[in-house]
């Protein structure tokens, strides 16, 4: 029975990692990455490493996906501003 919990957790980690890789939209990928962080934290708890699990849940579930979403937002804002500037140059009044 003691071996089953880590085995199930490893299986969930493999499934979530595959889901992260197969997700195409970056915003959705950040959400799936957050779920992956939670599942990885559960694996660390199952392996009796609660300190590592807490760090993983804090960083992998909150901070990294937040940075990814903020980067996507900044890139979109830059693209919109660049497109507006290009439109102004191409269509002078």
N, C-alpha and C. Protein backbone atom coordinates (compact mmCIF):
# COMPACT_ATOMS: atom_id res chain seq x y z
N UNK A 1 0.82 -1.19 0.00
CA UNK A 1 0.00 0.00 0.00
C UNK A 1 0.86 1.26 0.00
N UNK A 2 1.99 1.22 0.71
CA UNK A 2 2.86 2.39 0.78
C UNK A 2 3.46 2.72 -0.58
N UNK A 3 3.61 1.74 -1.43
CA UNK A 3 4.19 1.95 -2.76
C UNK A 3 3.17 2.49 -3.75
N UNK A 4 1.89 2.30 -3.48
CA UNK A 4 0.84 2.69 -4.42
C UNK A 4 0.69 4.20 -4.51
N UNK A 5 0.78 4.89 -3.40
CA UNK A 5 0.57 6.34 -3.40
C UNK A 5 1.63 7.06 -4.25
N UNK A 6 2.92 6.81 -4.07
CA UNK A 6 3.90 7.44 -4.95
C UNK A 6 3.74 7.03 -6.42
N UNK A 7 3.36 5.79 -6.66
CA UNK A 7 3.18 5.33 -8.04
C UNK A 7 2.03 6.08 -8.71
N UNK A 8 0.93 6.26 -7.99
CA UNK A 8 -0.20 7.02 -8.54
C UNK A 8 0.21 8.48 -8.76
N UNK A 9 0.95 9.04 -7.81
CA UNK A 9 1.40 10.44 -7.93
C UNK A 9 2.32 10.60 -9.13
N UNK A 10 3.21 9.64 -9.35
CA UNK A 10 4.11 9.71 -10.51
C UNK A 10 3.29 9.62 -11.80
N UNK A 11 2.28 8.75 -11.80
CA UNK A 11 1.41 8.66 -12.98
C UNK A 11 0.70 9.97 -13.26
N UNK A 12 0.21 10.64 -12.21
CA UNK A 12 -0.44 11.93 -12.40
C UNK A 12 0.54 12.99 -12.91
N UNK A 13 1.77 12.95 -12.40
CA UNK A 13 2.79 13.90 -12.86
C UNK A 13 3.06 13.69 -14.34
N UNK A 14 3.16 12.44 -14.76
CA UNK A 14 3.39 12.15 -16.18
C UNK A 14 2.23 12.66 -17.03
N UNK A 15 1.00 12.43 -16.58
CA UNK A 15 -0.17 12.91 -17.33
C UNK A 15 -0.20 14.43 -17.43
N UNK A 16 0.07 15.10 -16.31
CA UNK A 16 0.03 16.56 -16.32
C UNK A 16 1.16 17.15 -17.15
N UNK A 17 2.34 16.54 -17.09
CA UNK A 17 3.46 17.02 -17.91
C UNK A 17 3.12 16.88 -19.39
N UNK A 18 2.48 15.78 -19.75
CA UNK A 18 2.07 15.59 -21.14
C UNK A 18 1.02 16.63 -21.53
N UNK A 19 0.10 16.92 -20.63
CA UNK A 19 -0.92 17.94 -20.91
C UNK A 19 -0.29 19.31 -21.11
N UNK A 20 0.73 19.65 -20.32
CA UNK A 20 1.41 20.93 -20.48
C UNK A 20 2.06 21.01 -21.86
N UNK A 21 2.71 19.94 -22.26
CA UNK A 21 3.42 19.94 -23.54
C UNK A 21 2.43 20.01 -24.71
N UNK A 22 1.29 19.35 -24.58
CA UNK A 22 0.34 19.29 -25.69
C UNK A 22 -0.58 20.50 -25.78
N UNK A 23 -0.59 21.35 -24.77
CA UNK A 23 -1.43 22.55 -24.80
C UNK A 23 -0.75 23.60 -25.68
N UNK A 24 -1.49 24.10 -26.66
CA UNK A 24 -0.90 25.02 -27.63
C UNK A 24 -1.00 26.50 -27.25
N UNK A 25 -2.13 26.90 -26.69
CA UNK A 25 -2.33 28.30 -26.34
C UNK A 25 -1.51 28.63 -25.09
N UNK A 26 -0.64 29.64 -25.17
CA UNK A 26 0.22 29.94 -24.02
C UNK A 26 -0.54 30.29 -22.73
N UNK A 27 -1.65 30.99 -22.84
CA UNK A 27 -2.42 31.33 -21.63
C UNK A 27 -2.99 30.06 -20.98
N UNK A 28 -3.53 29.18 -21.79
CA UNK A 28 -4.04 27.92 -21.25
C UNK A 28 -2.91 27.06 -20.73
N UNK A 29 -1.77 27.13 -21.40
CA UNK A 29 -0.62 26.35 -20.95
C UNK A 29 -0.18 26.80 -19.56
N UNK A 30 -0.28 28.08 -19.27
CA UNK A 30 0.08 28.58 -17.93
C UNK A 30 -0.87 28.00 -16.88
N UNK A 31 -2.15 27.87 -17.22
CA UNK A 31 -3.11 27.29 -16.28
C UNK A 31 -2.81 25.82 -16.05
N UNK A 32 -2.52 25.10 -17.13
CA UNK A 32 -2.20 23.68 -17.01
C UNK A 32 -0.88 23.51 -16.24
N UNK A 33 0.05 24.43 -16.45
CA UNK A 33 1.32 24.41 -15.72
C UNK A 33 1.08 24.57 -14.22
N UNK A 34 0.11 25.38 -13.87
CA UNK A 34 -0.24 25.54 -12.46
C UNK A 34 -0.76 24.22 -11.87
N UNK A 35 -1.59 23.53 -12.63
CA UNK A 35 -2.07 22.22 -12.19
C UNK A 35 -0.94 21.22 -12.06
N UNK A 36 -0.01 21.30 -12.98
CA UNK A 36 1.17 20.43 -12.92
C UNK A 36 1.97 20.70 -11.65
N UNK A 37 2.07 21.97 -11.26
CA UNK A 37 2.78 22.31 -10.02
C UNK A 37 2.12 21.72 -8.80
N UNK A 38 0.78 21.71 -8.78
CA UNK A 38 0.07 21.12 -7.65
C UNK A 38 0.31 19.62 -7.59
N UNK A 39 0.22 18.96 -8.75
CA UNK A 39 0.41 17.51 -8.78
C UNK A 39 1.83 17.15 -8.39
N UNK A 40 2.79 17.95 -8.82
CA UNK A 40 4.18 17.70 -8.44
C UNK A 40 4.37 17.89 -6.93
N UNK A 41 3.67 18.87 -6.36
CA UNK A 41 3.71 19.05 -4.91
C UNK A 41 3.12 17.85 -4.18
N UNK A 42 2.05 17.29 -4.72
CA UNK A 42 1.46 16.08 -4.13
C UNK A 42 2.46 14.93 -4.18
N UNK A 43 3.19 14.81 -5.29
CA UNK A 43 4.22 13.77 -5.40
C UNK A 43 5.27 13.94 -4.32
N UNK A 44 5.70 15.17 -4.08
CA UNK A 44 6.71 15.40 -3.06
C UNK A 44 6.19 15.06 -1.66
N UNK A 45 4.92 15.33 -1.41
CA UNK A 45 4.33 14.94 -0.13
C UNK A 45 4.30 13.42 -0.02
N UNK A 46 3.94 12.75 -1.11
CA UNK A 46 3.90 11.28 -1.10
C UNK A 46 5.30 10.70 -0.87
N UNK A 47 6.33 11.42 -1.31
CA UNK A 47 7.70 10.97 -1.11
C UNK A 47 8.29 11.48 0.21
N UNK A 48 7.42 12.01 1.07
CA UNK A 48 7.77 12.49 2.40
C UNK A 48 8.79 13.63 2.37
N UNK A 49 8.54 14.58 1.51
CA UNK A 49 9.37 15.79 1.45
C UNK A 49 8.44 17.01 1.50
N UNK A 50 7.82 17.27 2.65
CA UNK A 50 6.84 18.36 2.72
C UNK A 50 7.43 19.74 2.51
N UNK A 51 8.68 19.94 2.89
CA UNK A 51 9.30 21.25 2.68
C UNK A 51 9.48 21.53 1.19
N UNK A 52 9.90 20.53 0.46
CA UNK A 52 10.05 20.67 -0.98
C UNK A 52 8.68 20.85 -1.63
N UNK A 53 7.68 20.14 -1.12
CA UNK A 53 6.32 20.25 -1.65
C UNK A 53 5.78 21.67 -1.47
N UNK A 54 6.02 22.26 -0.31
CA UNK A 54 5.54 23.63 -0.09
C UNK A 54 6.22 24.61 -1.03
N UNK A 55 7.51 24.44 -1.22
CA UNK A 55 8.23 25.31 -2.15
C UNK A 55 7.72 25.13 -3.57
N UNK A 56 7.51 23.88 -3.97
CA UNK A 56 7.02 23.59 -5.31
C UNK A 56 5.63 24.18 -5.53
N UNK A 57 4.77 24.03 -4.56
CA UNK A 57 3.42 24.56 -4.72
C UNK A 57 3.45 26.09 -4.79
N UNK A 58 4.28 26.71 -3.98
CA UNK A 58 4.39 28.17 -4.03
C UNK A 58 4.97 28.68 -5.32
N UNK A 59 6.04 28.07 -5.76
CA UNK A 59 6.72 28.53 -6.97
C UNK A 59 6.06 27.99 -8.23
N UNK A 60 5.84 26.68 -8.27
CA UNK A 60 5.34 26.05 -9.49
C UNK A 60 3.87 26.27 -9.75
N UNK A 61 3.10 26.56 -8.71
CA UNK A 61 1.67 26.73 -8.88
C UNK A 61 1.29 28.20 -9.00
N UNK A 62 2.04 29.09 -8.36
CA UNK A 62 1.67 30.49 -8.34
C UNK A 62 2.64 31.37 -9.12
N UNK A 63 3.90 31.35 -8.76
CA UNK A 63 4.84 32.33 -9.29
C UNK A 63 5.16 32.11 -10.77
N UNK A 64 5.53 30.91 -11.15
CA UNK A 64 5.90 30.66 -12.56
C UNK A 64 4.72 30.91 -13.50
N UNK A 65 3.52 30.35 -13.23
CA UNK A 65 2.40 30.66 -14.14
C UNK A 65 2.07 32.16 -14.17
N UNK A 66 2.20 32.85 -13.04
CA UNK A 66 1.96 34.28 -13.02
C UNK A 66 2.95 35.02 -13.91
N UNK A 67 4.21 34.65 -13.85
CA UNK A 67 5.22 35.27 -14.69
C UNK A 67 4.92 35.00 -16.17
N UNK A 68 4.50 33.79 -16.48
CA UNK A 68 4.16 33.46 -17.87
C UNK A 68 2.99 34.31 -18.35
N UNK A 69 1.94 34.43 -17.53
CA UNK A 69 0.78 35.23 -17.92
C UNK A 69 1.16 36.70 -18.07
N UNK A 70 1.98 37.22 -17.19
CA UNK A 70 2.43 38.62 -17.30
C UNK A 70 3.28 38.82 -18.55
N UNK A 71 4.11 37.86 -18.89
CA UNK A 71 4.92 37.96 -20.11
C UNK A 71 4.04 37.94 -21.35
N UNK A 72 3.03 37.07 -21.37
CA UNK A 72 2.10 37.02 -22.50
C UNK A 72 1.37 38.35 -22.64
N UNK A 73 0.95 38.91 -21.52
CA UNK A 73 0.26 40.19 -21.53
C UNK A 73 1.16 41.31 -22.06
N UNK A 74 2.40 41.32 -21.63
CA UNK A 74 3.34 42.35 -22.10
C UNK A 74 3.62 42.21 -23.59
N UNK A 75 3.75 40.99 -24.07
CA UNK A 75 3.99 40.76 -25.49
C UNK A 75 2.79 41.22 -26.31
N UNK A 76 1.57 40.89 -25.86
CA UNK A 76 0.37 41.32 -26.57
C UNK A 76 0.25 42.83 -26.61
N UNK A 77 0.54 43.47 -25.47
CA UNK A 77 0.48 44.94 -25.41
C UNK A 77 1.49 45.55 -26.38
N UNK A 78 2.70 44.99 -26.43
CA UNK A 78 3.73 45.48 -27.34
C UNK A 78 3.30 45.30 -28.80
N UNK A 79 2.73 44.14 -29.11
CA UNK A 79 2.28 43.89 -30.49
C UNK A 79 1.18 44.86 -30.90
N UNK A 80 0.22 45.12 -30.00
CA UNK A 80 -0.85 46.05 -30.33
C UNK A 80 -0.32 47.46 -30.54
N UNK A 81 0.60 47.89 -29.68
CA UNK A 81 1.18 49.22 -29.82
C UNK A 81 1.98 49.33 -31.11
N UNK A 82 2.74 48.28 -31.43
CA UNK A 82 3.53 48.28 -32.66
C UNK A 82 2.62 48.30 -33.89
N UNK A 83 1.53 47.55 -33.86
CA UNK A 83 0.59 47.54 -34.98
C UNK A 83 -0.07 48.89 -35.15
N UNK A 84 -0.40 49.57 -34.05
CA UNK A 84 -1.01 50.90 -34.13
C UNK A 84 -0.03 51.91 -34.71
N UNK A 85 1.24 51.84 -34.31
CA UNK A 85 2.24 52.74 -34.85
C UNK A 85 2.45 52.49 -36.35
N UNK A 86 2.45 51.23 -36.74
CA UNK A 86 2.62 50.90 -38.15
C UNK A 86 1.43 51.39 -38.97
N UNK A 87 0.24 51.28 -38.42
CA UNK A 87 -0.96 51.76 -39.12
C UNK A 87 -0.92 53.27 -39.28
N UNK A 88 -0.42 53.98 -38.29
CA UNK A 88 -0.31 55.44 -38.40
C UNK A 88 0.67 55.84 -39.50
N UNK A 89 1.78 55.11 -39.62
CA UNK A 89 2.77 55.43 -40.65
C UNK A 89 2.27 55.13 -42.05
N UNK A 90 1.48 54.05 -42.18
CA UNK A 90 1.01 53.64 -43.50
C UNK A 90 -0.17 54.46 -43.97
N UNK A 91 -0.97 55.00 -43.07
CA UNK A 91 -2.15 55.79 -43.42
C UNK A 91 -2.04 57.20 -42.82
N UNK A 92 -1.22 58.04 -43.41
CA UNK A 92 -1.13 59.41 -42.86
C UNK A 92 -2.43 60.17 -43.17
N UNK A 93 -2.82 61.08 -42.28
CA UNK A 93 -4.08 61.82 -42.48
C UNK A 93 -4.02 62.81 -43.59
